C-alpha atoms as a PDB file:
ATOM      1  CA  UNK A   1     -18.911   8.672   0.774  1.00  0.00           C
ATOM      2  CA  UNK A   2     -16.261  10.952   2.255  1.00  0.00           C
ATOM      3  CA  UNK A   3     -16.947  14.652   2.316  1.00  0.00           C
ATOM      4  CA  UNK A   4     -15.698  16.481  -0.769  1.00  0.00           C
ATOM      5  CA  UNK A   5     -13.865  19.005   1.419  1.00  0.00           C
ATOM      6  CA  UNK A   6     -11.181  16.454   2.331  1.00  0.00           C
ATOM      7  CA  UNK A   7      -7.941  17.534   0.670  1.00  0.00           C
ATOM      8  CA  UNK A   8      -6.522  14.151  -0.141  1.00  0.00           C
ATOM      9  CA  UNK A   9      -7.259  12.617  -3.480  1.00  0.00           C
ATOM     10  CA  UNK A  10      -4.903   9.658  -3.195  1.00  0.00           C
ATOM     11  CA  UNK A  11      -4.834   7.015  -0.471  1.00  0.00           C
ATOM     12  CA  UNK A  12      -1.854   4.661  -0.413  1.00  0.00           C
ATOM     13  CA  UNK A  13      -2.637   1.398   1.366  1.00  0.00           C
ATOM     14  CA  UNK A  14       0.707   0.192   2.675  1.00  0.00           C
ATOM     15  CA  UNK A  15       2.199  -2.675   4.651  1.00  0.00           C
ATOM     16  CA  UNK A  16       4.174  -5.861   4.292  1.00  0.00           C
ATOM     17  CA  UNK A  17       3.174  -8.665   1.991  1.00  0.00           C
ATOM     18  CA  UNK A  18       0.092 -10.462   3.285  1.00  0.00           C
ATOM     19  CA  UNK A  19      -1.287  -7.443   5.159  1.00  0.00           C
ATOM     20  CA  UNK A  20      -4.242  -7.161   2.791  1.00  0.00           C
ATOM     21  CA  UNK A  21      -3.233  -4.166   0.681  1.00  0.00           C
ATOM     22  CA  UNK A  22      -5.074  -5.368  -2.402  1.00  0.00           C
ATOM     23  CA  UNK A  23      -8.178  -6.679  -0.637  1.00  0.00           C
ATOM     24  CA  UNK A  24      -8.555  -3.631   1.578  1.00  0.00           C
ATOM     25  CA  UNK A  25      -7.522  -1.249  -1.189  1.00  0.00           C
ATOM     26  CA  UNK A  26     -10.116  -2.603  -3.617  1.00  0.00           C
ATOM     27  CA  UNK A  27     -12.823  -2.605  -0.959  1.00  0.00           C
ATOM     28  CA  UNK A  28     -11.967   0.902   0.196  1.00  0.00           C
ATOM     29  CA  UNK A  29     -11.943   2.230  -3.364  1.00  0.00           C
ATOM     30  CA  UNK A  30     -15.306   0.614  -4.010  1.00  0.00           C
ATOM     31  CA  UNK A  31     -16.781   2.044  -0.785  1.00  0.00           C
ATOM     32  CA  UNK A  32     -15.538   5.527  -1.710  1.00  0.00           C
ATOM     33  CA  UNK A  33     -16.482   5.279  -5.378  1.00  0.00           C
ATOM     34  CA  UNK A  34     -12.842   5.815  -6.334  1.00  0.00           C
ATOM     35  CA  UNK A  35     -10.471   4.065  -8.718  1.00  0.00           C
ATOM     36  CA  UNK A  36      -8.184   1.299  -7.401  1.00  0.00           C
ATOM     37  CA  UNK A  37      -4.631   0.911  -8.698  1.00  0.00           C
ATOM     38  CA  UNK A  38      -2.650  -2.234  -7.889  1.00  0.00           C
ATOM     39  CA  UNK A  39       0.873  -1.036  -7.152  1.00  0.00           C
ATOM     40  CA  UNK A  40       2.355  -4.482  -7.819  1.00  0.00           C
ATOM     41  CA  UNK A  41       1.304  -4.083 -11.464  1.00  0.00           C
ATOM     42  CA  UNK A  42       3.739  -1.171 -11.749  1.00  0.00           C
ATOM     43  CA  UNK A  43       6.812  -3.252 -10.838  1.00  0.00           C
ATOM     44  CA  UNK A  44       9.288  -3.715 -13.678  1.00  0.00           C
ATOM     45  CA  UNK A  45       9.383  -7.305 -14.904  1.00  0.00           C
ATOM     46  CA  UNK A  46      12.936  -7.657 -13.561  1.00  0.00           C
ATOM     47  CA  UNK A  47      11.639  -7.007 -10.025  1.00  0.00           C
ATOM     48  CA  UNK A  48       8.874  -9.590 -10.383  1.00  0.00           C
ATOM     49  CA  UNK A  49      11.386 -12.162 -11.623  1.00  0.00           C
ATOM     50  CA  UNK A  50      13.802 -11.361  -8.801  1.00  0.00           C
ATOM     51  CA  UNK A  51      11.120 -11.767  -6.120  1.00  0.00           C
ATOM     52  CA  UNK A  52       9.845 -14.954  -7.759  1.00  0.00           C
ATOM     53  CA  UNK A  53      13.403 -16.338  -7.349  1.00  0.00           C
ATOM     54  CA  UNK A  54      13.243 -15.431  -3.619  1.00  0.00           C
ATOM     55  CA  UNK A  55      15.723 -12.569  -3.973  1.00  0.00           C
ATOM     56  CA  UNK A  56      14.803  -9.528  -1.866  1.00  0.00           C
ATOM     57  CA  UNK A  57      14.626  -6.227  -3.706  1.00  0.00           C
ATOM     58  CA  UNK A  58      17.234  -3.574  -2.944  1.00  0.00           C
ATOM     59  CA  UNK A  59      16.545   0.159  -2.875  1.00  0.00           C
ATOM     60  CA  UNK A  60      17.940   0.464  -6.420  1.00  0.00           C
ATOM     61  CA  UNK A  61      15.477  -2.196  -7.625  1.00  0.00           C
ATOM     62  CA  UNK A  62      12.552  -0.332  -6.093  1.00  0.00           C
ATOM     63  CA  UNK A  63      13.392   3.068  -7.588  1.00  0.00           C
ATOM     64  CA  UNK A  64      11.788   2.524 -11.046  1.00  0.00           C
ATOM     65  CA  UNK A  65       8.707   1.082  -9.310  1.00  0.00           C
ATOM     66  CA  UNK A  66       8.443   4.031  -6.933  1.00  0.00           C
ATOM     67  CA  UNK A  67       8.900   6.416  -9.864  1.00  0.00           C
ATOM     68  CA  UNK A  68       6.030   4.716 -11.696  1.00  0.00           C
ATOM     69  CA  UNK A  69       3.785   5.034  -8.650  1.00  0.00           C
ATOM     70  CA  UNK A  70       4.767   8.662  -8.126  1.00  0.00           C
ATOM     71  CA  UNK A  71       4.066   9.359 -11.805  1.00  0.00           C
ATOM     72  CA  UNK A  72       0.642   7.791 -11.368  1.00  0.00           C
ATOM     73  CA  UNK A  73       0.011   9.960  -8.293  1.00  0.00           C
ATOM     74  CA  UNK A  74       1.059  13.052 -10.255  1.00  0.00           C
ATOM     75  CA  UNK A  75      -1.352  12.172 -13.054  1.00  0.00           C
ATOM     76  CA  UNK A  76      -4.208  11.574 -10.623  1.00  0.00           C
ATOM     77  CA  UNK A  77      -3.672  14.862  -8.797  1.00  0.00           C
ATOM     78  CA  UNK A  78      -3.315  16.796 -12.037  1.00  0.00           C
ATOM     79  CA  UNK A  79      -6.568  15.269 -13.309  1.00  0.00           C
ATOM     80  CA  UNK A  80      -8.318  15.895  -9.978  1.00  0.00           C
ATOM     81  CA  UNK A  81      -9.056  12.178  -9.770  1.00  0.00           C
ATOM     82  CA  UNK A  82      -9.278  10.345  -6.449  1.00  0.00           C
ATOM     83  CA  UNK A  83      -7.835   6.863  -6.150  1.00  0.00           C
ATOM     84  CA  UNK A  84      -6.600   4.187  -3.783  1.00  0.00           C
ATOM     85  CA  UNK A  85      -3.178   2.692  -4.568  1.00  0.00           C
ATOM     86  CA  UNK A  86      -1.670  -0.408  -2.984  1.00  0.00           C
ATOM     87  CA  UNK A  87       2.059  -0.083  -2.314  1.00  0.00           C
ATOM     88  CA  UNK A  88       4.214  -1.632   0.411  1.00  0.00           C
ATOM     89  CA  UNK A  89       6.020   1.718   0.991  1.00  0.00           C
ATOM     90  CA  UNK A  90       8.121   0.045   3.671  1.00  0.00           C
ATOM     91  CA  UNK A  91      10.683   2.796   4.265  1.00  0.00           C
ATOM     92  CA  UNK A  92      10.180   6.416   5.220  1.00  0.00           C
ATOM     93  CA  UNK A  93      12.375   7.491   2.306  1.00  0.00           C
ATOM     94  CA  UNK A  94       9.989   5.702  -0.103  1.00  0.00           C
ATOM     95  CA  UNK A  95       6.983   7.431   1.452  1.00  0.00           C
ATOM     96  CA  UNK A  96       8.717  10.814   1.315  1.00  0.00           C
ATOM     97  CA  UNK A  97       9.471  10.249  -2.368  1.00  0.00           C
ATOM     98  CA  UNK A  98       5.868   9.262  -3.122  1.00  0.00           C
ATOM     99  CA  UNK A  99       4.296  12.156  -1.232  1.00  0.00           C
ATOM    100  CA  UNK A 100       6.793  14.834  -2.323  1.00  0.00           C
ATOM    101  CA  UNK A 101       5.205  17.326   0.062  1.00  0.00           C
ATOM    102  CA  UNK A 102       1.684  16.993  -1.340  1.00  0.00           C
ATOM    103  CA  UNK A 103      -1.259  17.214   1.063  1.00  0.00           C
ATOM    104  CA  UNK A 104      -3.407  15.195  -1.347  1.00  0.00           C
ATOM    105  CA  UNK A 105      -1.712  11.911  -0.386  1.00  0.00           C
ATOM    106  CA  UNK A 106      -2.499   9.934   2.776  1.00  0.00           C
ATOM    107  CA  UNK A 107      -1.030   6.603   3.860  1.00  0.00           C
ATOM    108  CA  UNK A 108      -3.142   3.815   5.331  1.00  0.00           C
ATOM    109  CA  UNK A 109      -0.817   1.454   7.217  1.00  0.00           C
ATOM    110  CA  UNK A 110      -2.119  -2.101   7.555  1.00  0.00           C
ATOM    111  CA  UNK A 111      -0.273  -3.328  10.610  1.00  0.00           C
ATOM    112  CA  UNK A 112       0.019  -6.955  11.654  1.00  0.00           C
ATOM    113  CA  UNK A 113       2.321  -9.434  13.301  1.00  0.00           C
ATOM    114  CA  UNK A 114       4.915 -11.523  11.512  1.00  0.00           C
ATOM    115  CA  UNK A 115       3.058 -14.721  12.489  1.00  0.00           C
ATOM    116  CA  UNK A 116      -0.250 -13.487  11.056  1.00  0.00           C
ATOM    117  CA  UNK A 117       1.394 -12.394   7.790  1.00  0.00           C
ATOM    118  CA  UNK A 118       3.263 -15.705   7.520  1.00  0.00           C
ATOM    119  CA  UNK A 119      -0.010 -17.590   8.030  1.00  0.00           C
ATOM    120  CA  UNK A 120      -1.748 -15.522   5.344  1.00  0.00           C
ATOM    121  CA  UNK A 121       1.082 -15.897   2.837  1.00  0.00           C
ATOM    122  CA  UNK A 122       1.174 -19.660   3.382  1.00  0.00           C
ATOM    123  CA  UNK A 123      -2.462 -19.800   2.234  1.00  0.00           C
ATOM    124  CA  UNK A 124      -2.066 -17.432  -0.728  1.00  0.00           C
ATOM    125  CA  UNK A 125      -2.016 -18.913  -4.212  1.00  0.00           C
ATOM    126  CA  UNK A 126      -0.839 -17.469  -7.519  1.00  0.00           C
ATOM    127  CA  UNK A 127       1.295 -14.585  -6.258  1.00  0.00           C
ATOM    128  CA  UNK A 128       4.963 -14.143  -7.122  1.00  0.00           C
ATOM    129  CA  UNK A 129       5.975 -13.042  -3.586  1.00  0.00           C
ATOM    130  CA  UNK A 130       7.302 -16.148  -1.803  1.00  0.00           C
ATOM    131  CA  UNK A 131       6.832 -16.719   1.912  1.00  0.00           C
ATOM    132  CA  UNK A 132      10.581 -16.726   2.589  1.00  0.00           C
ATOM    133  CA  UNK A 133      10.872 -13.010   1.668  1.00  0.00           C
ATOM    134  CA  UNK A 134       8.553 -11.947   4.492  1.00  0.00           C
ATOM    135  CA  UNK A 135      11.427 -11.611   6.960  1.00  0.00           C
ATOM    136  CA  UNK A 136      13.217  -9.167   4.657  1.00  0.00           C
ATOM    137  CA  UNK A 137      10.058  -7.053   4.465  1.00  0.00           C
ATOM    138  CA  UNK A 138       9.757  -6.841   8.244  1.00  0.00           C
ATOM    139  CA  UNK A 139      13.472  -5.981   8.446  1.00  0.00           C
ATOM    140  CA  UNK A 140      13.015  -3.146   5.941  1.00  0.00           C
ATOM    141  CA  UNK A 141       9.775  -1.860   7.490  1.00  0.00           C
ATOM    142  CA  UNK A 142       9.971   1.555   9.114  1.00  0.00           C
ATOM    143  CA  UNK A 143       6.565   2.162  10.632  1.00  0.00           C
ATOM    144  CA  UNK A 144       5.060   5.467   9.483  1.00  0.00           C
ATOM    145  CA  UNK A 145       4.526   8.308  11.912  1.00  0.00           C
ATOM    146  CA  UNK A 146       1.831  10.148   9.984  1.00  0.00           C
ATOM    147  CA  UNK A 147      -0.539   7.503   8.681  1.00  0.00           C
ATOM    148  CA  UNK A 148      -3.890   6.010   9.470  1.00  0.00           C
ATOM    149  CA  UNK A 149      -2.843   2.830  11.298  1.00  0.00           C
ATOM    150  CA  UNK A 150      -5.191  -0.149  11.306  1.00  0.00           C
ATOM    151  CA  UNK A 151      -4.664  -3.549  12.928  1.00  0.00           C
ATOM    152  CA  UNK A 152      -5.269  -6.208  10.281  1.00  0.00           C
ATOM    153  CA  UNK A 153      -6.305  -8.908  12.723  1.00  0.00           C
ATOM    154  CA  UNK A 154      -9.946  -8.330  11.749  1.00  0.00           C
ATOM    155  CA  UNK A 155     -12.151  -8.761   8.704  1.00  0.00           C
ATOM    156  CA  UNK A 156     -11.548  -6.670   5.573  1.00  0.00           C
ATOM    157  CA  UNK A 157     -14.975  -5.048   6.061  1.00  0.00           C
ATOM    158  CA  UNK A 158     -14.054  -4.011   9.609  1.00  0.00           C
ATOM    159  CA  UNK A 159     -10.705  -2.654   8.421  1.00  0.00           C
ATOM    160  CA  UNK A 160     -12.371  -0.629   5.673  1.00  0.00           C
ATOM    161  CA  UNK A 161     -14.908   0.808   8.101  1.00  0.00           C
ATOM    162  CA  UNK A 162     -12.144   1.699  10.579  1.00  0.00           C
ATOM    163  CA  UNK A 163     -10.213   3.480   7.803  1.00  0.00           C
ATOM    164  CA  UNK A 164     -13.308   5.413   6.735  1.00  0.00           C
ATOM    165  CA  UNK A 165     -13.976   6.527  10.316  1.00  0.00           C
ATOM    166  CA  UNK A 166     -10.363   7.625  10.730  1.00  0.00           C
ATOM    167  CA  UNK A 167     -10.432   9.589   7.472  1.00  0.00           C
ATOM    168  CA  UNK A 168     -13.660  11.364   8.451  1.00  0.00           C
ATOM    169  CA  UNK A 169     -12.064  12.486  11.719  1.00  0.00           C
ATOM    170  CA  UNK A 170      -8.915  13.875  10.050  1.00  0.00           C
END
Protein backbone atom coordinates (compact mmCIF):
# COMPACT_ATOMS: atom_id res chain seq x y z
CA UNK A 1 0.00 0.00 0.00
CA UNK A 2 1.23 3.51 -0.76
CA UNK A 3 2.00 5.78 2.14
CA UNK A 4 -0.95 7.89 3.25
CA UNK A 5 1.17 11.04 3.05
CA UNK A 6 1.11 11.00 -0.76
CA UNK A 7 -1.00 13.94 -1.92
CA UNK A 8 -2.60 12.37 -4.95
CA UNK A 9 -5.91 10.66 -4.58
CA UNK A 10 -6.57 10.07 -8.27
CA UNK A 11 -4.36 8.24 -10.75
CA UNK A 12 -5.28 8.52 -14.42
CA UNK A 13 -3.90 5.63 -16.47
CA UNK A 14 -3.51 7.03 -19.97
CA UNK A 15 -2.35 5.97 -23.41
CA UNK A 16 -3.59 4.94 -26.82
CA UNK A 17 -6.04 2.14 -27.36
CA UNK A 18 -4.43 -1.23 -26.69
CA UNK A 19 -1.87 0.12 -24.21
CA UNK A 20 -3.51 -1.73 -21.32
CA UNK A 21 -5.29 1.10 -19.53
CA UNK A 22 -8.08 -1.11 -18.23
CA UNK A 23 -5.93 -4.12 -17.34
CA UNK A 24 -3.25 -2.07 -15.63
CA UNK A 25 -5.77 0.31 -14.09
CA UNK A 26 -7.79 -2.50 -12.52
CA UNK A 27 -4.66 -4.26 -11.29
CA UNK A 28 -3.18 -1.06 -9.88
CA UNK A 29 -6.42 -0.16 -8.12
CA UNK A 30 -6.60 -3.64 -6.63
CA UNK A 31 -2.96 -3.49 -5.47
CA UNK A 32 -3.58 -0.11 -3.82
CA UNK A 33 -6.97 -1.03 -2.38
CA UNK A 34 -8.56 1.80 -4.36
CA UNK A 35 -11.62 2.04 -6.58
CA UNK A 36 -11.24 1.58 -10.36
CA UNK A 37 -13.29 3.65 -12.80
CA UNK A 38 -13.40 2.69 -16.48
CA UNK A 39 -13.23 5.97 -18.38
CA UNK A 40 -14.71 4.41 -21.53
CA UNK A 41 -17.95 3.90 -19.59
CA UNK A 42 -18.28 7.68 -19.32
CA UNK A 43 -18.35 8.24 -23.10
CA UNK A 44 -21.68 9.50 -24.44
CA UNK A 45 -23.44 6.88 -26.55
CA UNK A 46 -22.93 9.05 -29.65
CA UNK A 47 -19.14 8.75 -29.20
CA UNK A 48 -19.31 4.97 -28.85
CA UNK A 49 -21.43 4.74 -32.00
CA UNK A 50 -19.07 7.03 -33.91
CA UNK A 51 -15.99 4.99 -32.96
CA UNK A 52 -17.80 1.74 -33.73
CA UNK A 53 -18.35 3.13 -37.27
CA UNK A 54 -14.57 3.79 -37.51
CA UNK A 55 -14.99 7.57 -37.30
CA UNK A 56 -12.30 9.24 -35.19
CA UNK A 57 -13.53 11.51 -32.42
CA UNK A 58 -12.92 15.25 -32.72
CA UNK A 59 -12.14 17.54 -29.80
CA UNK A 60 -15.81 18.61 -29.68
CA UNK A 61 -16.87 14.95 -29.37
CA UNK A 62 -14.50 14.40 -26.47
CA UNK A 63 -15.60 17.43 -24.44
CA UNK A 64 -18.69 15.86 -22.78
CA UNK A 65 -16.60 12.76 -21.99
CA UNK A 66 -13.80 14.82 -20.47
CA UNK A 67 -16.36 16.81 -18.48
CA UNK A 68 -17.80 13.57 -17.09
CA UNK A 69 -14.34 12.37 -16.07
CA UNK A 70 -13.48 15.73 -14.52
CA UNK A 71 -16.79 15.67 -12.62
CA UNK A 72 -15.90 12.22 -11.34
CA UNK A 73 -12.46 13.47 -10.25
CA UNK A 74 -14.10 16.41 -8.46
CA UNK A 75 -16.44 14.06 -6.61
CA UNK A 76 -13.60 11.76 -5.60
CA UNK A 77 -11.44 14.59 -4.29
CA UNK A 78 -14.35 16.17 -2.44
CA UNK A 79 -15.14 12.82 -0.81
CA UNK A 80 -11.46 12.19 -0.01
CA UNK A 81 -11.68 8.95 -1.99
CA UNK A 82 -8.71 7.54 -3.88
CA UNK A 83 -9.25 5.95 -7.27
CA UNK A 84 -7.63 4.87 -10.51
CA UNK A 85 -9.32 6.06 -13.72
CA UNK A 86 -8.58 4.83 -17.23
CA UNK A 87 -8.65 7.60 -19.83
CA UNK A 88 -6.70 7.99 -23.07
CA UNK A 89 -6.00 11.69 -22.30
CA UNK A 90 -4.10 11.95 -25.57
CA UNK A 91 -3.63 15.72 -25.73
CA UNK A 92 -2.05 18.08 -23.24
CA UNK A 93 -5.15 20.27 -23.35
CA UNK A 94 -7.26 17.28 -22.21
CA UNK A 95 -4.87 16.57 -19.35
CA UNK A 96 -4.84 20.23 -18.31
CA UNK A 97 -8.64 20.22 -18.28
CA UNK A 98 -8.78 17.05 -16.18
CA UNK A 99 -6.19 18.17 -13.65
CA UNK A 100 -7.34 21.80 -13.38
CA UNK A 101 -4.33 22.63 -11.22
CA UNK A 102 -5.01 19.98 -8.59
CA UNK A 103 -2.05 18.22 -6.97
CA UNK A 104 -4.24 15.21 -6.16
CA UNK A 105 -4.17 13.96 -9.77
CA UNK A 106 -1.25 12.05 -11.32
CA UNK A 107 -1.02 10.62 -14.82
CA UNK A 108 0.41 7.17 -15.54
CA UNK A 109 1.39 7.05 -19.22
CA UNK A 110 1.44 3.56 -20.72
CA UNK A 111 3.82 3.98 -23.62
CA UNK A 112 4.21 1.53 -26.47
CA UNK A 113 4.95 1.30 -30.16
CA UNK A 114 2.36 1.46 -32.91
CA UNK A 115 3.20 -2.13 -33.95
CA UNK A 116 2.69 -3.49 -30.42
CA UNK A 117 -0.64 -1.66 -30.04
CA UNK A 118 -1.80 -2.85 -33.47
CA UNK A 119 -0.92 -6.43 -32.52
CA UNK A 120 -2.84 -6.15 -29.24
CA UNK A 121 -5.90 -4.59 -30.85
CA UNK A 122 -5.97 -7.28 -33.53
CA UNK A 123 -6.35 -9.87 -30.75
CA UNK A 124 -8.93 -7.94 -28.72
CA UNK A 125 -12.54 -9.09 -28.84
CA UNK A 126 -15.75 -7.32 -27.87
CA UNK A 127 -14.53 -3.72 -27.81
CA UNK A 128 -16.06 -0.94 -29.90
CA UNK A 129 -12.68 0.65 -30.80
CA UNK A 130 -11.71 -0.70 -34.24
CA UNK A 131 -8.11 -1.34 -35.23
CA UNK A 132 -8.23 1.20 -38.07
CA UNK A 133 -8.60 4.12 -35.59
CA UNK A 134 -5.24 3.41 -33.97
CA UNK A 135 -3.39 5.66 -36.42
CA UNK A 136 -5.61 8.61 -35.49
CA UNK A 137 -4.82 8.04 -31.82
CA UNK A 138 -1.07 8.09 -32.43
CA UNK A 139 -1.51 11.24 -34.55
CA UNK A 140 -3.40 12.95 -31.72
CA UNK A 141 -1.04 11.76 -28.98
CA UNK A 142 1.01 14.45 -27.28
CA UNK A 143 3.28 12.64 -24.86
CA UNK A 144 2.98 14.04 -21.33
CA UNK A 145 5.88 15.84 -19.70
CA UNK A 146 4.85 15.33 -16.09
CA UNK A 147 3.68 11.74 -15.81
CA UNK A 148 4.90 8.40 -14.62
CA UNK A 149 5.96 6.81 -17.92
CA UNK A 150 5.99 3.03 -18.22
CA UNK A 151 6.93 0.92 -21.24
CA UNK A 152 4.09 -1.52 -21.88
CA UNK A 153 6.25 -4.15 -23.55
CA UNK A 154 6.15 -6.20 -20.34
CA UNK A 155 3.59 -8.09 -18.28
CA UNK A 156 0.76 -6.22 -16.53
CA UNK A 157 2.19 -7.33 -13.16
CA UNK A 158 5.59 -5.85 -14.04
CA UNK A 159 3.96 -2.62 -15.22
CA UNK A 160 1.96 -2.32 -12.00
CA UNK A 161 5.05 -2.91 -9.88
CA UNK A 162 7.01 -0.32 -11.89
CA UNK A 163 4.20 2.22 -11.38
CA UNK A 164 4.11 1.53 -7.64
CA UNK A 165 7.87 2.00 -7.35
CA UNK A 166 7.70 5.26 -9.29
CA UNK A 167 4.87 6.57 -7.12
CA UNK A 168 6.75 5.73 -3.92
CA UNK A 169 9.75 7.72 -5.14
CA UNK A 170 7.70 10.83 -6.04
